[in-house]
Amino acid sequence: MTLAEMPIAARGRVSGMTLPAGTHQRLMEMGLTRGASFQVVRYAPMGDPIEIKVRGYHLSLRKCEAAGILVETVL
């Protein structure tokens, strides 16, 4: 499953990324590393961007970036 497919209020953990090297590195620097827990806060009215809470702060991601982040759901 990818981050872009998760519903609002869902919790998950990053399991990998299938993004270009530059984007991958930038997201890792912002705290989206393998094993990082997050929660989907909301989607913008048109579905892009997606706001998540990770490592104690809110992060907005483009839908194309979220589609390249592989996640596993956490209950």
PDB file of N, CA and C in Angstrom:
ATOM      1  N   MET A   1       0.841  -1.171   0.000  1.00  0.00           N
ATOM      2  CA  MET A   1       0.000   0.000   0.000  1.00  0.00           C
ATOM      3  C   MET A   1       0.892   1.241   0.000  1.00  0.00           C
ATOM      4  N   THR A   2       0.404   2.305  -0.591  1.00  0.00           N
ATOM      5  CA  THR A   2       1.166   3.559  -0.599  1.00  0.00           C
ATOM      6  C   THR A   2       0.478   4.575   0.311  1.00  0.00           C
ATOM      7  N   LEU A   3       1.211   5.593   0.675  1.00  0.00           N
ATOM      8  CA  LEU A   3       0.674   6.648   1.523  1.00  0.00           C
ATOM      9  C   LEU A   3      -0.506   7.342   0.859  1.00  0.00           C
ATOM     10  N   ALA A   4      -0.479   7.485  -0.450  1.00  0.00           N
ATOM     11  CA  ALA A   4      -1.558   8.158  -1.185  1.00  0.00           C
ATOM     12  C   ALA A   4      -2.883   7.401  -1.101  1.00  0.00           C
ATOM     13  N   GLU A   5      -2.853   6.121  -0.758  1.00  0.00           N
ATOM     14  CA  GLU A   5      -4.060   5.295  -0.687  1.00  0.00           C
ATOM     15  C   GLU A   5      -4.670   5.245   0.705  1.00  0.00           C
ATOM     16  N   MET A   6      -4.017   5.827   1.686  1.00  0.00           N
ATOM     17  CA  MET A   6      -4.490   5.726   3.061  1.00  0.00           C
ATOM     18  C   MET A   6      -5.598   6.737   3.353  1.00  0.00           C
ATOM     19  N   PRO A   7      -6.610   6.330   4.136  1.00  0.00           N
ATOM     20  CA  PRO A   7      -7.692   7.259   4.484  1.00  0.00           C
ATOM     21  C   PRO A   7      -7.279   8.219   5.599  1.00  0.00           C
ATOM     22  N   ILE A   8      -8.066   9.248   5.800  1.00  0.00           N
ATOM     23  CA  ILE A   8      -7.827  10.212   6.870  1.00  0.00           C
ATOM     24  C   ILE A   8      -7.879   9.504   8.219  1.00  0.00           C
ATOM     25  N   ALA A   9      -7.001   9.901   9.126  1.00  0.00           N
ATOM     26  CA  ALA A   9      -6.869   9.388  10.501  1.00  0.00           C
ATOM     27  C   ALA A   9      -6.187   8.027  10.567  1.00  0.00           C
ATOM     28  N   ALA A  10      -5.811   7.449   9.431  1.00  0.00           N
ATOM     29  CA  ALA A  10      -5.123   6.162   9.444  1.00  0.00           C
ATOM     30  C   ALA A  10      -3.694   6.347   9.951  1.00  0.00           C
ATOM     31  N   ARG A  11      -3.205   5.346  10.652  1.00  0.00           N
ATOM     32  CA  ARG A  11      -1.832   5.349  11.153  1.00  0.00           C
ATOM     33  C   ARG A  11      -1.036   4.317  10.357  1.00  0.00           C
ATOM     34  N   GLY A  12       0.231   4.629  10.148  1.00  0.00           N
ATOM     35  CA  GLY A  12       1.061   3.711   9.386  1.00  0.00           C
ATOM     36  C   GLY A  12       2.524   3.854   9.730  1.00  0.00           C
ATOM     37  N   ARG A  13       3.323   3.042   9.053  1.00  0.00           N
ATOM     38  CA  ARG A  13       4.772   3.041   9.233  1.00  0.00           C
ATOM     39  C   ARG A  13       5.397   2.944   7.852  1.00  0.00           C
ATOM     40  N   VAL A  14       6.420   3.738   7.610  1.00  0.00           N
ATOM     41  CA  VAL A  14       7.107   3.743   6.312  1.00  0.00           C
ATOM     42  C   VAL A  14       7.875   2.435   6.161  1.00  0.00           C
ATOM     43  N   SER A  15       7.659   1.749   5.029  1.00  0.00           N
ATOM     44  CA  SER A  15       8.387   0.504   4.787  1.00  0.00           C
ATOM     45  C   SER A  15       9.355   0.612   3.612  1.00  0.00           C
ATOM     46  N   GLY A  16       9.284   1.692   2.848  1.00  0.00           N
ATOM     47  CA  GLY A  16      10.213   1.888   1.737  1.00  0.00           C
ATOM     48  C   GLY A  16       9.747   2.999   0.822  1.00  0.00           C
ATOM     49  N   MET A  17      10.552   3.288  -0.193  1.00  0.00           N
ATOM     50  CA  MET A  17      10.207   4.339  -1.161  1.00  0.00           C
ATOM     51  C   MET A  17      10.609   3.912  -2.562  1.00  0.00           C
ATOM     52  N   THR A  18       9.798   4.327  -3.524  1.00  0.00           N
ATOM     53  CA  THR A  18      10.107   4.094  -4.934  1.00  0.00           C
ATOM     54  C   THR A  18      10.086   5.451  -5.630  1.00  0.00           C
ATOM     55  N   LEU A  19      10.964   6.322  -5.213  1.00  0.00           N
ATOM     56  CA  LEU A  19      11.027   7.698  -5.709  1.00  0.00           C
ATOM     57  C   LEU A  19      12.409   7.968  -6.289  1.00  0.00           C
ATOM     58  N   PRO A  20      12.530   9.005  -7.114  1.00  0.00           N
ATOM     59  CA  PRO A  20      13.852   9.393  -7.616  1.00  0.00           C
ATOM     60  C   PRO A  20      14.784   9.732  -6.441  1.00  0.00           C
ATOM     61  N   ALA A  21      16.059   9.571  -6.646  1.00  0.00           N
ATOM     62  CA  ALA A  21      17.054   9.742  -5.577  1.00  0.00           C
ATOM     63  C   ALA A  21      16.961  11.090  -4.867  1.00  0.00           C
ATOM     64  N   GLY A  22      16.790  12.171  -5.599  1.00  0.00           N
ATOM     65  CA  GLY A  22      16.719  13.495  -4.983  1.00  0.00           C
ATOM     66  C   GLY A  22      15.513  13.654  -4.069  1.00  0.00           C
ATOM     67  N   THR A  23      14.356  13.191  -4.528  1.00  0.00           N
ATOM     68  CA  THR A  23      13.135  13.264  -3.733  1.00  0.00           C
ATOM     69  C   THR A  23      13.243  12.352  -2.517  1.00  0.00           C
ATOM     70  N   HIS A  24      13.776  11.162  -2.729  1.00  0.00           N
ATOM     71  CA  HIS A  24      13.975  10.203  -1.635  1.00  0.00           C
ATOM     72  C   HIS A  24      14.842  10.820  -0.541  1.00  0.00           C
ATOM     73  N   GLN A  25      15.942  11.419  -0.910  1.00  0.00           N
ATOM     74  CA  GLN A  25      16.851  12.030   0.050  1.00  0.00           C
ATOM     75  C   GLN A  25      16.179  13.185   0.800  1.00  0.00           C
ATOM     76  N   ARG A  26      15.440  14.020   0.079  1.00  0.00           N
ATOM     77  CA  ARG A  26      14.768  15.170   0.698  1.00  0.00           C
ATOM     78  C   ARG A  26      13.742  14.710   1.730  1.00  0.00           C
ATOM     79  N   LEU A  27      12.961  13.682   1.409  1.00  0.00           N
ATOM     80  CA  LEU A  27      11.968  13.176   2.348  1.00  0.00           C
ATOM     81  C   LEU A  27      12.621  12.513   3.555  1.00  0.00           C
ATOM     82  N   MET A  28      13.731  11.837   3.346  1.00  0.00           N
ATOM     83  CA  MET A  28      14.450  11.245   4.474  1.00  0.00           C
ATOM     84  C   MET A  28      14.964  12.334   5.410  1.00  0.00           C
ATOM     85  N   GLU A  29      15.437  13.445   4.857  1.00  0.00           N
ATOM     86  CA  GLU A  29      15.915  14.559   5.680  1.00  0.00           C
ATOM     87  C   GLU A  29      14.788  15.196   6.487  1.00  0.00           C
ATOM     88  N   MET A  30      13.544  15.055   6.004  1.00  0.00           N
ATOM     89  CA  MET A  30      12.386  15.599   6.723  1.00  0.00           C
ATOM     90  C   MET A  30      11.805  14.602   7.720  1.00  0.00           C
ATOM     91  N   GLY A  31      12.427  13.441   7.869  1.00  0.00           N
ATOM     92  CA  GLY A  31      11.993  12.489   8.886  1.00  0.00           C
ATOM     93  C   GLY A  31      11.259  11.273   8.390  1.00  0.00           C
ATOM     94  N   LEU A  32      11.032  11.147   7.103  1.00  0.00           N
ATOM     95  CA  LEU A  32      10.349   9.969   6.573  1.00  0.00           C
ATOM     96  C   LEU A  32      11.362   8.867   6.270  1.00  0.00           C
ATOM     97  N   THR A  33      11.883   8.272   7.300  1.00  0.00           N
ATOM     98  CA  THR A  33      12.833   7.177   7.151  1.00  0.00           C
ATOM     99  C   THR A  33      12.105   5.855   7.332  1.00  0.00           C
ATOM    100  N   ARG A  34      12.734   4.778   6.930  1.00  0.00           N
ATOM    101  CA  ARG A  34      12.140   3.450   7.085  1.00  0.00           C
ATOM    102  C   ARG A  34      11.824   3.207   8.562  1.00  0.00           C
ATOM    103  N   GLY A  35      10.596   2.791   8.836  1.00  0.00           N
ATOM    104  CA  GLY A  35      10.161   2.528  10.195  1.00  0.00           C
ATOM    105  C   GLY A  35       9.528   3.710  10.911  1.00  0.00           C
ATOM    106  N   ALA A  36       9.545   4.890  10.307  1.00  0.00           N
ATOM    107  CA  ALA A  36       8.949   6.076  10.938  1.00  0.00           C
ATOM    108  C   ALA A  36       7.425   5.940  10.972  1.00  0.00           C
ATOM    109  N   SER A  37       6.837   6.191  12.138  1.00  0.00           N
ATOM    110  CA  SER A  37       5.387   6.141  12.291  1.00  0.00           C
ATOM    111  C   SER A  37       4.784   7.491  11.926  1.00  0.00           C
ATOM    112  N   PHE A  38       3.578   7.462  11.377  1.00  0.00           N
ATOM    113  CA  PHE A  38       2.901   8.697  10.977  1.00  0.00           C
ATOM    114  C   PHE A  38       1.398   8.494  11.064  1.00  0.00           C
ATOM    115  N   GLN A  39       0.671   9.603  10.961  1.00  0.00           N
ATOM    116  CA  GLN A  39      -0.786   9.573  10.888  1.00  0.00           C
ATOM    117  C   GLN A  39      -1.235  10.531   9.798  1.00  0.00           C
ATOM    118  N   VAL A  40      -2.186  10.101   8.989  1.00  0.00           N
ATOM    119  CA  VAL A  40      -2.746  10.963   7.952  1.00  0.00           C
ATOM    120  C   VAL A  40      -3.698  11.941   8.633  1.00  0.00           C
ATOM    121  N   VAL A  41      -3.436  13.239   8.488  1.00  0.00           N
ATOM    122  CA  VAL A  41      -4.249  14.266   9.137  1.00  0.00           C
ATOM    123  C   VAL A  41      -5.403  14.678   8.236  1.00  0.00           C
ATOM    124  N   ARG A  42      -5.102  15.053   7.004  1.00  0.00           N
ATOM    125  CA  ARG A  42      -6.165  15.470   6.077  1.00  0.00           C
ATOM    126  C   ARG A  42      -5.639  15.554   4.645  1.00  0.00           C
ATOM    127  N   TYR A  43      -6.603  15.610   3.742  1.00  0.00           N
ATOM    128  CA  TYR A  43      -6.331  15.833   2.326  1.00  0.00           C
ATOM    129  C   TYR A  43      -6.865  17.217   1.975  1.00  0.00           C
ATOM    130  N   ALA A  44      -6.213  17.913   1.090  1.00  0.00           N
ATOM    131  CA  ALA A  44      -6.724  19.189   0.598  1.00  0.00           C
ATOM    132  C   ALA A  44      -8.014  18.922  -0.180  1.00  0.00           C
ATOM    133  N   PRO A  45      -8.852  19.921  -0.378  1.00  0.00           N
ATOM    134  CA  PRO A  45     -10.137  19.709  -1.054  1.00  0.00           C
ATOM    135  C   PRO A  45     -10.043  18.981  -2.400  1.00  0.00           C
ATOM    136  N   MET A  46      -9.017  19.236  -3.166  1.00  0.00           N
ATOM    137  CA  MET A  46      -8.875  18.554  -4.452  1.00  0.00           C
ATOM    138  C   MET A  46      -8.008  17.295  -4.340  1.00  0.00           C
ATOM    139  N   GLY A  47      -7.654  16.893  -3.119  1.00  0.00           N
ATOM    140  CA  GLY A  47      -6.886  15.671  -2.900  1.00  0.00           C
ATOM    141  C   GLY A  47      -5.380  15.844  -2.917  1.00  0.00           C
ATOM    142  N   ASP A  48      -4.911  17.039  -3.165  1.00  0.00           N
ATOM    143  CA  ASP A  48      -3.473  17.275  -3.251  1.00  0.00           C
ATOM    144  C   ASP A  48      -3.165  18.652  -2.682  1.00  0.00           C
ATOM    145  N   PRO A  49      -2.370  18.811  -1.673  1.00  0.00           N
ATOM    146  CA  PRO A  49      -1.467  17.862  -1.029  1.00  0.00           C
ATOM    147  C   PRO A  49      -2.137  17.073   0.098  1.00  0.00           C
ATOM    148  N   ILE A  50      -1.354  16.173   0.675  1.00  0.00           N
ATOM    149  CA  ILE A  50      -1.752  15.331   1.807  1.00  0.00           C
ATOM    150  C   ILE A  50      -0.965  15.808   3.021  1.00  0.00           C
ATOM    151  N   GLU A  51      -1.647  15.995   4.137  1.00  0.00           N
ATOM    152  CA  GLU A  51      -0.965  16.401   5.362  1.00  0.00           C
ATOM    153  C   GLU A  51      -0.852  15.202   6.295  1.00  0.00           C
ATOM    154  N   ILE A  52       0.357  14.947   6.785  1.00  0.00           N
ATOM    155  CA  ILE A  52       0.578  13.868   7.741  1.00  0.00           C
ATOM    156  C   ILE A  52       1.281  14.431   8.971  1.00  0.00           C
ATOM    157  N   LYS A  53       1.168  13.706  10.069  1.00  0.00           N
ATOM    158  CA  LYS A  53       1.914  14.060  11.274  1.00  0.00           C
ATOM    159  C   LYS A  53       2.973  12.979  11.459  1.00  0.00           C
ATOM    160  N   VAL A  54       4.232  13.409  11.448  1.00  0.00           N
ATOM    161  CA  VAL A  54       5.353  12.485  11.580  1.00  0.00           C
ATOM    162  C   VAL A  54       6.393  13.102  12.507  1.00  0.00           C
ATOM    163  N   ARG A  55       6.876  12.330  13.449  1.00  0.00           N
ATOM    164  CA  ARG A  55       7.912  12.775  14.396  1.00  0.00           C
ATOM    165  C   ARG A  55       7.557  14.091  15.092  1.00  0.00           C
ATOM    166  N   GLY A  56       6.266  14.289  15.411  1.00  0.00           N
ATOM    167  CA  GLY A  56       5.839  15.442  16.176  1.00  0.00           C
ATOM    168  C   GLY A  56       5.570  16.709  15.397  1.00  0.00           C
ATOM    169  N   TYR A  57       5.635  16.671  14.079  1.00  0.00           N
ATOM    170  CA  TYR A  57       5.313  17.865  13.297  1.00  0.00           C
ATOM    171  C   TYR A  57       4.458  17.483  12.090  1.00  0.00           C
ATOM    172  N   HIS A  58       3.829  18.478  11.485  1.00  0.00           N
ATOM    173  CA  HIS A  58       2.957  18.253  10.335  1.00  0.00           C
ATOM    174  C   HIS A  58       3.738  18.488   9.047  1.00  0.00           C
ATOM    175  N   LEU A  59       3.554  17.576   8.114  1.00  0.00           N
ATOM    176  CA  LEU A  59       4.267  17.610   6.849  1.00  0.00           C
ATOM    177  C   LEU A  59       3.259  17.470   5.715  1.00  0.00           C
ATOM    178  N   SER A  60       3.331  18.334   4.731  1.00  0.00           N
ATOM    179  CA  SER A  60       2.464  18.241   3.554  1.00  0.00           C
ATOM    180  C   SER A  60       3.263  17.666   2.397  1.00  0.00           C
ATOM    181  N   LEU A  61       2.658  16.697   1.730  1.00  0.00           N
ATOM    182  CA  LEU A  61       3.307  16.018   0.603  1.00  0.00           C
ATOM    183  C   LEU A  61       2.423  16.084  -0.628  1.00  0.00           C
ATOM    184  N   ARG A  62       3.042  16.219  -1.769  1.00  0.00           N
ATOM    185  CA  ARG A  62       2.299  16.133  -3.026  1.00  0.00           C
ATOM    186  C   ARG A  62       1.798  14.699  -3.182  1.00  0.00           C
ATOM    187  N   LYS A  63       0.692  14.549  -3.878  1.00  0.00           N
ATOM    188  CA  LYS A  63       0.132  13.214  -4.074  1.00  0.00           C
ATOM    189  C   LYS A  63       1.093  12.306  -4.851  1.00  0.00           C
ATOM    190  N   CYS A  64       1.849  12.869  -5.797  1.00  0.00           N
ATOM    191  CA  CYS A  64       2.804  12.063  -6.571  1.00  0.00           C
ATOM    192  C   CYS A  64       3.945  11.573  -5.673  1.00  0.00           C
ATOM    193  N   GLU A  65       4.332  12.373  -4.669  1.00  0.00           N
ATOM    194  CA  GLU A  65       5.350  11.933  -3.713  1.00  0.00           C
ATOM    195  C   GLU A  65       4.783  10.851  -2.801  1.00  0.00           C
ATOM    196  N   ALA A  66       3.560  11.061  -2.317  1.00  0.00           N
ATOM    197  CA  ALA A  66       2.923  10.093  -1.431  1.00  0.00           C
ATOM    198  C   ALA A  66       2.721   8.746  -2.123  1.00  0.00           C
ATOM    199  N   ALA A  67       2.505   8.767  -3.429  1.00  0.00           N
ATOM    200  CA  ALA A  67       2.310   7.525  -4.184  1.00  0.00           C
ATOM    201  C   ALA A  67       3.592   6.701  -4.261  1.00  0.00           C
ATOM    202  N   GLY A  68       4.727   7.316  -4.016  1.00  0.00           N
ATOM    203  CA  GLY A  68       6.000   6.600  -4.048  1.00  0.00           C
ATOM    204  C   GLY A  68       6.488   6.154  -2.683  1.00  0.00           C
ATOM    205  N   ILE A  69       5.680   6.375  -1.635  1.00  0.00           N
ATOM    206  CA  ILE A  69       6.049   5.971  -0.284  1.00  0.00           C
ATOM    207  C   ILE A  69       5.272   4.724   0.094  1.00  0.00           C
ATOM    208  N   LEU A  70       5.970   3.625   0.255  1.00  0.00           N
ATOM    209  CA  LEU A  70       5.344   2.359   0.624  1.00  0.00           C
ATOM    210  C   LEU A  70       5.155   2.324   2.135  1.00  0.00           C
ATOM    211  N   VAL A  71       3.958   1.906   2.567  1.00  0.00           N
ATOM    212  CA  VAL A  71       3.632   1.920   3.985  1.00  0.00           C
ATOM    213  C   VAL A  71       2.964   0.626   4.401  1.00  0.00           C
ATOM    214  N   GLU A  72       2.958   0.395   5.691  1.00  0.00           N
ATOM    215  CA  GLU A  72       2.160  -0.680   6.265  1.00  0.00           C
ATOM    216  C   GLU A  72       1.276  -0.033   7.326  1.00  0.00           C
ATOM    217  N   THR A  73       0.038  -0.465   7.407  1.00  0.00           N
ATOM    218  CA  THR A  73      -0.893   0.135   8.365  1.00  0.00           C
ATOM    219  C   THR A  73      -0.581  -0.355   9.775  1.00  0.00           C
ATOM    220  N   VAL A  74      -0.849   0.521  10.731  1.00  0.00           N
ATOM    221  CA  VAL A  74      -0.667   0.215  12.145  1.00  0.00           C
ATOM    222  C   VAL A  74      -1.997   0.474  12.828  1.00  0.00           C
ATOM    223  N   LEU A  75      -2.454  -0.464  13.605  1.00  0.00           N
ATOM    224  CA  LEU A  75      -3.742  -0.292  14.280  1.00  0.00           C
ATOM    225  C   LEU A  75      -3.602   0.338  15.638  1.00  0.00           C
TER     226      LEU A  75
END
